[in-house]
Every structure is written in C-alpha cells, then in structure tokens.
Protein backbone atom coordinates (compact mmCIF):
# COMPACT_ATOMS: atom_id res chain seq x y z
CA MET A 1 -51.37 43.86 -52.30
CA ASN A 2 -49.46 41.56 -54.64
CA LEU A 3 -47.64 38.63 -53.12
CA ILE A 4 -44.47 39.52 -54.99
CA GLU A 5 -43.61 43.11 -54.23
CA GLN A 6 -41.05 45.41 -55.72
CA MET A 7 -40.80 47.22 -52.42
CA ASN A 8 -40.10 50.92 -52.46
CA LEU A 9 -37.26 51.00 -49.96
CA GLY A 10 -36.52 54.67 -50.61
CA PRO A 11 -33.39 56.26 -52.08
CA ASN A 12 -31.15 54.32 -49.69
CA SER A 13 -32.85 50.93 -50.36
CA PHE A 14 -33.59 50.50 -46.68
CA ALA A 15 -36.68 50.29 -44.46
CA MET A 16 -36.93 49.76 -40.72
CA SER A 17 -39.84 49.70 -38.26
CA TYR A 18 -39.29 49.37 -34.52
CA GLN A 19 -41.81 47.70 -32.19
CA ASN A 20 -44.71 47.98 -34.59
CA GLU A 21 -47.85 46.81 -32.71
CA THR A 22 -51.07 45.09 -33.78
CA LYS A 23 -53.65 44.35 -31.09
CA ASP A 24 -56.90 42.35 -31.08
CA THR A 25 -56.58 41.82 -34.83
CA TYR A 26 -56.02 38.75 -36.97
CA TRP A 27 -52.73 39.32 -38.80
CA ARG A 28 -51.82 37.47 -41.97
CA MET A 29 -49.07 38.37 -44.43
CA LEU A 30 -48.03 36.26 -47.40
CA HIS A 31 -45.50 37.81 -49.75
CA ALA A 32 -41.98 37.93 -51.16
CA HIS A 33 -39.85 40.86 -52.26
CA GLN A 34 -36.40 41.84 -53.51
CA GLY A 35 -34.86 42.62 -50.11
CA ILE A 36 -33.29 40.70 -47.25
CA GLU A 37 -35.80 40.89 -44.40
CA LEU A 38 -35.04 40.47 -40.69
CA LEU A 39 -38.19 40.04 -38.59
CA TYR A 40 -37.79 40.06 -34.80
CA ILE A 41 -40.70 39.22 -32.49
CA HIS A 42 -40.99 41.18 -29.23
CA GLU A 43 -44.45 39.86 -28.28
CA GLY A 44 -47.00 37.57 -29.86
CA PHE A 45 -47.90 34.00 -30.74
CA GLY A 46 -48.53 32.57 -34.18
CA SER A 47 -46.71 30.83 -37.00
CA VAL A 48 -44.38 31.57 -39.90
CA THR A 49 -44.31 29.39 -42.99
CA LEU A 50 -41.07 29.61 -44.92
CA GLU A 51 -40.90 27.69 -48.18
CA HIS A 52 -42.76 24.51 -47.16
CA GLU A 53 -41.94 24.40 -43.43
CA THR A 54 -43.87 26.03 -40.56
CA PHE A 55 -42.20 27.51 -37.47
CA PRO A 56 -43.72 28.88 -34.25
CA LEU A 57 -43.83 32.67 -33.93
CA ARG A 58 -43.14 33.76 -30.36
CA ALA A 59 -41.27 36.38 -28.38
CA GLY A 60 -37.51 36.31 -28.86
CA THR A 61 -37.63 34.72 -32.33
CA LEU A 62 -35.67 36.17 -35.25
CA PHE A 63 -36.55 35.24 -38.84
CA CYS A 64 -34.23 35.85 -41.80
CA PHE A 65 -35.94 35.91 -45.22
CA GLN A 66 -33.88 35.93 -48.40
CA PRO A 67 -34.75 37.91 -51.56
CA TYR A 68 -37.84 36.57 -53.38
CA GLN A 69 -38.39 33.94 -50.70
CA LEU A 70 -42.11 33.39 -50.23
CA HIS A 71 -43.10 33.55 -46.56
CA LYS A 72 -46.34 33.68 -44.59
CA VAL A 73 -46.76 35.27 -41.15
CA GLU A 74 -49.98 34.44 -39.32
CA VAL A 75 -51.03 35.67 -35.87
CA PRO A 76 -54.51 34.68 -34.60
CA VAL A 77 -56.72 36.99 -32.56
CA GLN A 78 -56.07 36.72 -28.85
CA SER A 79 -58.06 38.94 -26.54
CA GLY A 80 -55.86 41.57 -24.95
CA ALA A 81 -52.71 40.21 -26.61
CA SER A 82 -50.43 42.23 -28.87
CA TYR A 83 -48.29 41.29 -31.82
CA ILE A 84 -45.18 43.48 -31.55
CA ARG A 85 -42.32 43.17 -34.05
CA SER A 86 -39.34 45.01 -35.46
CA ASN A 87 -38.52 44.67 -39.11
CA ILE A 88 -35.45 45.53 -41.18
CA THR A 89 -35.59 45.21 -44.97
CA PHE A 90 -32.73 46.24 -47.25
CA ASP A 91 -31.48 45.66 -50.77
CA PRO A 92 -28.22 43.64 -50.54
CA ARG A 93 -27.10 44.91 -53.96
CA ILE A 94 -26.77 48.40 -52.47
CA MET A 95 -25.13 47.26 -49.24
CA ASP A 96 -22.54 44.94 -50.78
CA PRO A 97 -20.02 47.59 -52.01
CA TYR A 98 -19.90 49.24 -48.59
CA LEU A 99 -18.52 46.01 -47.10
CA SER A 100 -15.47 45.83 -49.37
CA PRO A 101 -13.13 46.86 -46.49
CA PHE A 102 -14.58 43.98 -44.42
CA PRO A 103 -14.20 40.82 -46.55
CA ASN A 104 -15.37 38.44 -43.84
CA LEU A 105 -18.57 40.41 -43.32
CA GLN A 106 -19.05 40.81 -47.07
CA ALA A 107 -18.83 37.05 -47.53
CA PHE A 108 -21.47 36.65 -44.81
CA LEU A 109 -23.80 39.14 -46.53
CA ARG A 110 -23.40 37.36 -49.86
CA LEU A 111 -24.29 34.07 -48.22
CA LEU A 112 -27.46 35.63 -46.77
CA TRP A 113 -28.19 37.13 -50.17
CA LYS A 114 -27.43 34.34 -52.62
CA GLY A 115 -26.47 31.25 -50.67
CA SER A 116 -28.23 28.19 -49.33
CA LEU A 117 -28.87 28.84 -45.63
CA PRO A 118 -28.93 25.81 -43.33
CA GLN A 119 -30.90 27.81 -40.73
CA GLN A 120 -33.15 30.89 -41.00
CA VAL A 121 -35.06 30.88 -37.69
CA PHE A 122 -33.33 31.66 -34.40
CA THR A 123 -34.31 31.98 -30.75
CA LEU A 124 -32.34 34.75 -29.11
CA ALA A 125 -31.40 34.74 -25.44
CA PRO A 126 -33.60 36.84 -23.10
CA SER A 127 -30.78 39.37 -22.70
CA HIS A 128 -29.08 40.14 -26.00
CA LEU A 129 -27.59 43.00 -27.95
CA TYR A 130 -29.88 42.77 -30.98
CA THR A 131 -32.76 44.65 -29.36
CA ASP A 132 -30.27 47.20 -27.99
CA ILE A 133 -29.00 47.81 -31.53
CA LEU A 134 -32.57 48.26 -32.81
CA HIS A 135 -33.55 50.53 -29.93
CA GLY A 136 -30.43 52.64 -30.29
CA TYR A 137 -31.09 53.17 -33.98
CA SER A 138 -34.75 54.07 -33.38
CA LEU A 139 -33.66 56.76 -30.91
CA ASN A 140 -30.66 58.18 -32.74
CA HIS A 141 -31.13 57.81 -36.49
CA ILE A 142 -30.91 61.04 -38.45
CA GLU A 143 -33.78 62.18 -40.66
CA ASP A 144 -31.61 64.58 -42.66
CA SER A 145 -31.29 63.06 -46.14
CA ALA A 146 -27.63 64.01 -46.43
CA GLN A 147 -26.82 61.82 -43.43
CA GLN A 148 -29.25 58.94 -44.01
CA ALA A 149 -27.06 56.80 -46.27
CA GLU A 150 -24.20 56.81 -43.76
CA ASP A 151 -26.62 56.31 -40.88
CA HIS A 152 -28.27 53.29 -42.50
CA THR A 153 -24.97 51.77 -43.61
CA LEU A 154 -23.39 51.93 -40.15
CA PHE A 155 -26.57 50.50 -38.60
CA LEU A 156 -26.64 47.58 -41.06
CA ILE A 157 -22.94 46.89 -40.50
CA SER A 158 -23.60 46.60 -36.76
CA VAL A 159 -26.62 44.34 -37.36
CA LEU A 160 -24.76 42.05 -39.79
CA HIS A 161 -21.74 41.85 -37.49
CA TYR A 162 -23.98 40.90 -34.56
CA LEU A 163 -25.76 38.23 -36.61
CA GLN A 164 -22.49 36.79 -37.84
CA THR A 165 -20.77 36.66 -34.46
CA HIS A 166 -23.65 35.92 -32.06
CA VAL A 167 -26.62 34.42 -33.91
CA PHE A 168 -25.73 32.24 -36.89
CA PRO A 169 -24.20 28.92 -35.78
CA LYS A 170 -20.42 28.90 -36.00
CA ASN A 171 -20.25 25.31 -37.22
CA LYS A 172 -22.49 26.03 -40.23
CA PHE A 173 -21.34 29.45 -41.33
CA PRO A 174 -18.13 31.14 -42.47
CA ALA A 175 -14.91 30.63 -40.60
CA LYS A 176 -12.44 33.47 -40.29
CA GLY A 177 -9.51 33.62 -42.65
CA SER A 178 -6.75 35.82 -43.94
CA GLU A 179 -7.25 38.74 -46.30
CA ARG A 180 -5.75 36.62 -49.09
CA THR A 181 -8.24 33.85 -48.37
CA TYR A 182 -11.15 36.26 -48.70
CA GLN A 183 -9.74 37.59 -51.92
CA HIS A 184 -9.94 34.03 -53.21
CA ILE A 185 -13.49 33.61 -51.88
CA GLU A 186 -14.55 36.89 -53.45
CA GLY A 187 -13.02 35.75 -56.73
CA MET A 188 -14.97 32.49 -56.54
CA MET A 189 -18.25 34.27 -55.85
CA ASP A 190 -17.63 36.71 -58.67
CA TRP A 191 -16.88 33.81 -61.00
CA VAL A 192 -20.10 32.05 -59.98
CA GLU A 193 -22.08 35.25 -60.52
CA GLY A 194 -20.78 35.47 -64.05
CA ASN A 195 -21.15 31.77 -64.85
CA TYR A 196 -23.97 30.23 -62.79
CA SER A 197 -26.28 30.13 -65.82
CA LYS A 198 -23.81 27.99 -67.74
CA TYR A 199 -22.87 24.32 -67.36
CA PHE A 200 -20.67 24.16 -64.27
CA ASP A 201 -17.15 22.91 -64.89
CA LEU A 202 -14.99 22.91 -61.74
CA SER A 203 -11.81 22.33 -63.76
CA LYS A 204 -12.52 25.41 -65.88
CA MET A 205 -13.23 27.49 -62.79
CA ALA A 206 -10.01 26.29 -61.17
CA SER A 207 -7.99 27.08 -64.28
CA GLU A 208 -9.40 30.60 -64.59
CA LEU A 209 -8.84 31.34 -60.90
CA HIS A 210 -5.36 29.72 -60.87
CA LEU A 211 -6.27 27.32 -58.04
CA SER A 212 -6.65 23.56 -57.85
CA PRO A 213 -10.16 22.04 -57.98
CA TYR A 214 -9.62 20.53 -54.52
CA HIS A 215 -8.43 23.86 -53.09
CA ILE A 216 -11.49 25.66 -54.47
CA SER A 217 -13.99 23.11 -53.14
CA HIS A 218 -12.34 22.85 -49.72
CA MET A 219 -11.81 26.58 -49.26
CA PHE A 220 -15.31 27.52 -50.38
CA LYS A 221 -16.95 25.03 -47.98
CA THR A 222 -14.70 26.04 -45.09
CA TYR A 223 -15.17 29.78 -45.44
CA THR A 224 -18.79 30.06 -46.60
CA GLY A 225 -20.39 27.16 -44.74
CA THR A 226 -21.90 25.66 -47.90
CA THR A 227 -20.64 23.57 -50.76
CA LEU A 228 -19.93 25.19 -54.10
CA SER A 229 -22.56 23.07 -55.83
CA ASP A 230 -25.23 24.00 -53.25
CA TYR A 231 -24.31 27.67 -53.58
CA ILE A 232 -24.65 27.55 -57.38
CA THR A 233 -27.98 25.72 -57.12
CA ALA A 234 -29.31 28.28 -54.65
CA ARG A 235 -28.21 31.09 -56.95
CA ARG A 236 -29.98 29.47 -59.90
CA ILE A 237 -33.19 28.95 -57.91
CA ARG A 238 -33.08 32.56 -56.69
CA GLU A 239 -32.78 33.76 -60.28
CA ALA A 240 -35.63 31.49 -61.33
CA CYS A 241 -37.86 33.03 -58.64
CA THR A 242 -37.02 36.50 -59.90
CA LEU A 243 -37.82 35.58 -63.49
CA LEU A 244 -41.04 33.77 -62.57
CA ALA A 245 -42.22 36.74 -60.52
CA ASN A 246 -41.23 39.57 -62.81
CA THR A 247 -41.30 38.32 -66.40
CA ALA A 248 -43.63 36.49 -68.76
CA LYS A 249 -40.90 34.10 -69.86
CA SER A 250 -42.00 30.50 -70.23
CA ILE A 251 -40.95 27.90 -67.69
CA GLN A 252 -39.02 26.17 -70.45
CA ASP A 253 -37.07 29.34 -71.26
CA ILE A 254 -36.35 30.04 -67.60
CA GLY A 255 -34.97 26.54 -67.09
CA LEU A 256 -32.65 27.04 -70.04
CA GLU A 257 -31.63 30.52 -68.91
CA ILE A 258 -30.60 29.63 -65.37
CA GLY A 259 -28.55 26.56 -66.20
CA GLY A 260 -29.42 25.01 -69.52
CA PHE A 261 -31.94 22.68 -67.84
CA GLY A 262 -34.68 20.79 -69.61
CA THR A 263 -38.17 21.53 -68.30
CA PRO A 264 -38.72 18.23 -66.39
CA TYR A 265 -35.41 18.50 -64.52
CA PHE A 266 -35.89 22.22 -63.81
CA CYS A 267 -39.38 21.59 -62.38
CA GLN A 268 -38.06 18.75 -60.22
CA LEU A 269 -35.15 20.85 -58.93
CA PHE A 270 -37.36 23.87 -58.22
CA LYS A 271 -39.92 21.78 -56.33
CA LYS A 272 -37.19 20.18 -54.24
CA HIS A 273 -35.99 23.60 -53.07
CA LYS A 274 -39.26 25.56 -52.98
CA GLY A 275 -41.84 22.92 -52.15
CA MET A 276 -43.90 23.74 -55.26
CA THR A 277 -43.49 23.64 -59.02
CA PRO A 278 -42.42 26.76 -60.97
CA LYS A 279 -45.95 27.03 -62.37
CA ALA A 280 -47.49 26.88 -58.90
CA PHE A 281 -45.01 29.46 -57.61
CA ARG A 282 -45.86 31.83 -60.46
CA ASN A 283 -49.59 31.34 -59.93
CA VAL A 284 -49.31 32.03 -56.21
CA VAL A 285 -47.24 35.17 -56.51
CA ARG A 286 -49.49 36.67 -59.16
CA GLU A 287 -52.63 36.42 -57.07
CA VAL A 288 -53.92 39.43 -55.18
CA TYR A 289 -53.70 38.94 -51.46
CA LEU A 290 -56.80 39.37 -49.27
CA LYS A 291 -59.18 40.80 -51.88
CA SER A 292 -61.55 43.25 -50.32
C-alpha cells in the first residue's frame, strides 16, 4: 500500500466503517489521502502521530485528519485486547456545495478542509451523541444507490453539526454571525482560493471585496477562528503536499507555484508546518508501506 493514497471513496466520495475490530494483532497504519478522515476509538491503546507530534490512542478519543496530512496509527499487541474504531472519510470538495444553505456549517467545513486547525485530537465525554449518530447510521443507511447520496449527505451534515457545536472548542473556532457576515466570509475564502498562489496584498483584497483591510482581518479571525495569513499559509502548504505527492514537479517549481517562494524559504516554511522538508515528505510518501 502506498503511503499517499488516492482513495476510492465510491461514486458519492464517502466511506464509513463502524466498530471495525482488530484483536491480538499488531496494527500499524502510516498514510495520507485526499479526504477528511474522522477516526473514533471505541476500545484500544496505542499512539497516533500527526505531523511531528504523538498523541495517546485510547477509548473515547476522536482524531480529525485533514486532506494529505500524513498520520501514523500504531496499536501494539495486547493479549485478549481489541482495537475497535469507527472511521468516516469523505471528499470535502463533493460535500461543500450541499452546505450552501448553511453558511455557518459551510465555513466550518472549509476550515477543516483548508484551514490551520489549532486542535485535531479530542477526548469525548463518556456519554455523548457522536456514537449515537454513528450507530444510527450503521443501522439505518440505505444501500439503494438512488438514495445513497442523500443518505450520506444528511449523515455528514449531522456529524459536522455535532463536531461544530459540541466538540471543537468555541474559543478557537467560528463564532456565529448573520447571513450577510457569512456572505462576506464566503467571499473572502473564494478570493483566497483564487489568489493564494500569488503574492498576498491585503489592500488589493480589500479593494476587490469592497471592505476595509481592518474589517477583513477582524471579521475573518472572529468568524473562522484563524488569522487570514495563517489560513493562506495552510492553504499553500496543503497544495504543496498535493503536488509533492502526485506530481514529478521539482521542489523549486512547487515553491514558485504555491506562492512565488524561493526554494530555501519554501523548504523552511514547509518544515515548520510539517516537521520535515519537502524532499523528505516526498520520499516518505513514495515508499511502499510494510513490504511483504
């Protein structure tokens, strides 16, 4: 298995497994892929390494992995013990249009997708709705292909809404605002998507969006939980990961493509955010995992 996977998520760009169990077996997974992945631990002890930081894996822990974010899950053999987990993986590009009627939730999804997350590992309370949502879906989801898209979409809306309102810390993530406010936020995100690879000029952005530079900076931080500059940097690094994993472009060309960066600065920036150089990242993700 390659460490960078273009996962086949099916026609609806969605995959879900509920209470998948491994027993009396050493489990090790090191990979990255194009989807947002939500890994919930029902039982088990081990560790998860995300970027360059290691977290304990234990019951009640929820991990949120962003697209093309390298992560390692390791569970040692423990006699009689089981590693039981539920996993949701979906392509945010497919989900995003369905959230247009819900601007607050759409902004939250885009932060999970493209933003810089201050926290990605959470310990859920012993009694919580997340496992109820997973269990309900596992019992009631429809296999008929004509109904699957709607089924998956409604399930993901309920999951995202739960994460936004009950899991992600309120003081670090989006505040609620008016519909007009979210129209502004959506306009800012769209502008960044079209311009992140260019030299960033806040005055130009403000002029094109008909807002003041202060208003843009303040509003973006208040309603997304991250600064505009951090969001743009995270978007550039995410694009760099995609290009390193899926193309043969040189590191020099990638640095230029994602922001007009010279190679030394690009390598320094990438290592700061990923814990390894672009060359090391490319080498790792091109290896074959656990050769037989």
